[in-house]
């Protein structure tokens, strides 16, 4: 039975286009995605005239506060905007190349954002801060971002002709990659 299960998983992974290279690539993809998201916060903060700091999982003004309240809003928007941008850019690349690596970058952009929303506490996420600053319901912003990202993932998954089983395997890879990023970020 154990041998049969292993053979079935191996066949599923092959069908899902997941090999050792894709598994190993997920680690730098995770680090890139987190840093790209934070770069969005940083860039929007700098463009509004703030002197910003950036790390793997945080971006904030050096002096601890933004020059104007609206600067905090723009910086908060920057992270999810860059995550959507990553998804769209690599959706385009996936469409052009049919590359499983491009798909992996789409998948992880979507997965990392949704993972943070679901398991990081909605109130602690960018979407809730944006909603608070705009005085609108937090789940409206969450729903908009999540819908956009899920549509990007859906389209990319269709382009690659992957099924829900493949998405499940990519989800397992995503969890491991996020745990590695969180662990290393905790050491820094």
Protein backbone atom coordinates (compact mmCIF):
# COMPACT_ATOMS: atom_id res chain seq x y z
CA UNK A 1 0.00 0.00 0.00
CA UNK A 2 2.83 2.42 0.89
CA UNK A 3 4.52 1.75 -2.44
CA UNK A 4 1.25 2.26 -4.30
CA UNK A 5 0.66 5.59 -2.53
CA UNK A 6 4.18 6.76 -3.38
CA UNK A 7 3.69 5.78 -7.03
CA UNK A 8 0.37 7.60 -7.12
CA UNK A 9 1.87 10.77 -5.62
CA UNK A 10 4.78 10.57 -8.08
CA UNK A 11 2.32 10.25 -10.97
CA UNK A 12 0.22 13.13 -9.63
CA UNK A 13 3.31 15.35 -9.31
CA UNK A 14 4.38 14.52 -12.85
CA UNK A 15 0.88 15.26 -14.16
CA UNK A 16 0.96 18.54 -12.16
CA UNK A 17 4.31 19.42 -13.79
CA UNK A 18 5.99 19.49 -10.37
CA UNK A 19 9.50 18.08 -10.31
CA UNK A 20 12.49 18.64 -8.03
CA UNK A 21 13.42 21.86 -9.84
CA UNK A 22 9.97 23.35 -9.28
CA UNK A 23 10.04 22.30 -5.62
CA UNK A 24 13.44 23.92 -5.10
CA UNK A 25 12.41 27.02 -7.09
CA UNK A 26 9.52 27.64 -4.70
CA UNK A 27 11.92 28.84 -1.99
CA UNK A 28 13.43 31.76 -3.96
CA UNK A 29 9.97 32.44 -5.43
CA UNK A 30 8.64 32.83 -1.88
CA UNK A 31 11.42 35.23 -0.89
CA UNK A 32 10.99 37.22 -4.10
CA UNK A 33 7.23 37.47 -3.59
CA UNK A 34 7.49 38.69 0.00
CA UNK A 35 10.18 41.23 -0.89
CA UNK A 36 8.27 42.40 -3.99
CA UNK A 37 5.14 42.94 -1.88
CA UNK A 38 7.14 44.98 0.66
CA UNK A 39 8.78 46.90 -2.20
CA UNK A 40 5.30 48.10 -3.14
CA UNK A 41 4.85 49.58 0.33
CA UNK A 42 8.35 51.05 0.21
CA UNK A 43 8.02 52.58 -3.29
CA UNK A 44 4.62 54.13 -2.59
CA UNK A 45 6.01 55.48 0.71
CA UNK A 46 9.08 56.97 -0.98
CA UNK A 47 6.98 58.48 -3.79
CA UNK A 48 4.93 60.32 -1.17
CA UNK A 49 8.12 61.84 0.24
CA UNK A 50 8.79 59.56 3.21
CA UNK A 51 12.18 58.18 4.18
CA UNK A 52 11.41 54.45 4.28
CA UNK A 53 12.95 51.26 5.66
CA UNK A 54 12.37 47.86 4.07
CA UNK A 55 12.91 44.28 5.17
CA UNK A 56 11.68 40.88 4.05
CA UNK A 57 8.30 41.27 5.73
CA UNK A 58 7.99 44.94 6.65
CA UNK A 59 8.25 48.40 5.20
CA UNK A 60 7.80 51.53 7.28
CA UNK A 61 8.95 55.13 7.66
CA UNK A 62 12.37 55.47 9.30
CA UNK A 63 11.08 57.88 11.92
CA UNK A 64 8.06 55.69 12.74
CA UNK A 65 5.34 57.83 11.16
CA UNK A 66 4.32 59.10 7.74
CA UNK A 67 4.49 62.78 6.84
CA UNK A 68 0.78 62.86 5.99
CA UNK A 69 -2.05 60.47 6.85
CA UNK A 70 -2.67 59.94 3.14
CA UNK A 71 0.94 58.72 2.78
CA UNK A 72 0.10 55.79 5.08
CA UNK A 73 -2.85 54.94 2.84
CA UNK A 74 -0.73 54.99 -0.31
CA UNK A 75 1.97 52.89 1.31
CA UNK A 76 -0.64 50.37 2.50
CA UNK A 77 -2.04 50.17 -1.05
CA UNK A 78 1.44 49.59 -2.47
CA UNK A 79 1.87 46.05 -1.11
CA UNK A 80 -1.35 44.51 -2.45
CA UNK A 81 -0.94 46.51 -5.67
CA UNK A 82 2.49 44.96 -6.23
CA UNK A 83 1.13 41.49 -5.42
CA UNK A 84 -1.58 41.96 -8.06
CA UNK A 85 1.08 43.34 -10.43
CA UNK A 86 3.22 40.23 -9.86
CA UNK A 87 0.23 38.03 -10.57
CA UNK A 88 -0.63 39.91 -13.77
CA UNK A 89 2.97 40.04 -15.08
CA UNK A 90 3.52 36.35 -14.55
CA UNK A 91 0.05 35.51 -15.89
CA UNK A 92 1.15 37.24 -19.10
CA UNK A 93 4.45 35.36 -19.06
CA UNK A 94 2.63 32.08 -18.37
CA UNK A 95 0.35 32.78 -21.30
CA UNK A 96 3.31 33.46 -23.59
CA UNK A 97 5.63 30.67 -22.44
CA UNK A 98 3.43 28.01 -20.77
CA UNK A 99 6.23 27.82 -18.18
CA UNK A 100 5.52 26.06 -14.90
CA UNK A 101 7.97 28.49 -13.27
CA UNK A 102 5.94 31.49 -14.41
CA UNK A 103 2.84 29.73 -13.14
CA UNK A 104 4.62 29.17 -9.81
CA UNK A 105 5.20 32.92 -9.50
CA UNK A 106 1.51 33.58 -10.19
CA UNK A 107 0.45 30.87 -7.78
CA UNK A 108 2.67 32.05 -4.94
CA UNK A 109 1.64 35.71 -5.31
CA UNK A 110 -2.00 34.68 -4.93
CA UNK A 111 -1.37 32.04 -2.29
CA UNK A 112 0.81 34.21 -0.05
CA UNK A 113 -1.74 37.03 0.01
CA UNK A 114 -4.67 34.73 0.71
CA UNK A 115 -2.66 32.78 3.29
CA UNK A 116 -1.86 36.03 5.12
CA UNK A 117 -5.49 37.12 5.06
CA UNK A 118 -6.83 33.76 6.24
CA UNK A 119 -4.20 32.81 8.80
CA UNK A 120 -2.53 36.10 9.70
CA UNK A 121 -5.69 37.72 10.96
CA UNK A 122 -7.69 39.97 8.64
CA UNK A 123 -7.39 42.95 10.99
CA UNK A 124 -3.58 42.84 10.77
CA UNK A 125 -3.45 42.85 6.97
CA UNK A 126 -3.00 45.67 4.47
CA UNK A 127 -6.54 45.32 3.19
CA UNK A 128 -8.02 46.03 6.64
CA UNK A 129 -5.76 49.07 7.08
CA UNK A 130 -6.76 50.38 3.66
CA UNK A 131 -10.45 49.90 4.47
CA UNK A 132 -10.03 51.62 7.84
CA UNK A 133 -8.31 54.64 6.28
CA UNK A 134 -11.01 54.86 3.59
CA UNK A 135 -13.75 54.30 6.19
CA UNK A 136 -15.25 51.35 4.33
CA UNK A 137 -15.93 47.79 5.44
CA UNK A 138 -12.72 45.74 5.65
CA UNK A 139 -14.24 42.72 3.93
CA UNK A 140 -15.03 44.84 0.88
CA UNK A 141 -11.34 45.52 0.27
CA UNK A 142 -10.43 41.93 1.15
CA UNK A 143 -13.07 40.67 -1.28
CA UNK A 144 -11.88 42.92 -4.11
CA UNK A 145 -8.21 41.93 -3.74
CA UNK A 146 -9.03 38.24 -3.23
CA UNK A 147 -11.34 38.17 -6.26
CA UNK A 148 -8.76 39.81 -8.52
CA UNK A 149 -6.06 37.40 -7.35
CA UNK A 150 -8.29 34.33 -7.65
CA UNK A 151 -9.25 35.32 -11.20
CA UNK A 152 -5.57 35.67 -12.10
CA UNK A 153 -4.85 32.24 -10.61
CA UNK A 154 -7.88 30.68 -12.32
CA UNK A 155 -6.79 32.00 -15.73
CA UNK A 156 -3.20 30.92 -15.20
CA UNK A 157 -4.29 27.45 -14.06
CA UNK A 158 -6.44 27.07 -17.19
CA UNK A 159 -3.56 28.17 -19.41
CA UNK A 160 -1.36 25.48 -17.86
CA UNK A 161 -4.20 22.91 -18.06
CA UNK A 162 -3.82 22.03 -14.40
CA UNK A 163 -6.57 20.53 -12.27
CA UNK A 164 -7.56 21.01 -8.63
CA UNK A 165 -5.26 18.17 -7.59
CA UNK A 166 -2.33 20.15 -9.02
CA UNK A 167 -3.51 23.27 -7.18
CA UNK A 168 -3.55 21.14 -4.01
CA UNK A 169 0.07 20.10 -4.53
CA UNK A 170 1.07 23.70 -5.23
CA UNK A 171 -0.73 24.67 -2.01
CA UNK A 172 1.40 22.20 -0.04
CA UNK A 173 4.52 23.69 -1.65
CA UNK A 174 3.22 27.16 -0.79
CA UNK A 175 2.74 26.30 2.88
CA UNK A 176 6.28 24.92 3.15
CA UNK A 177 7.73 27.95 1.38
CA UNK A 178 5.83 30.38 3.63
CA UNK A 179 7.02 28.52 6.73
CA UNK A 180 10.60 28.80 5.51
CA UNK A 181 10.22 32.55 4.87
CA UNK A 182 8.57 33.10 8.27
CA UNK A 183 11.29 31.06 10.00
CA UNK A 184 14.15 32.88 8.33
CA UNK A 185 12.49 36.27 8.84
CA UNK A 186 12.23 35.43 12.54
CA UNK A 187 15.99 34.82 12.64
CA UNK A 188 16.82 38.19 11.04
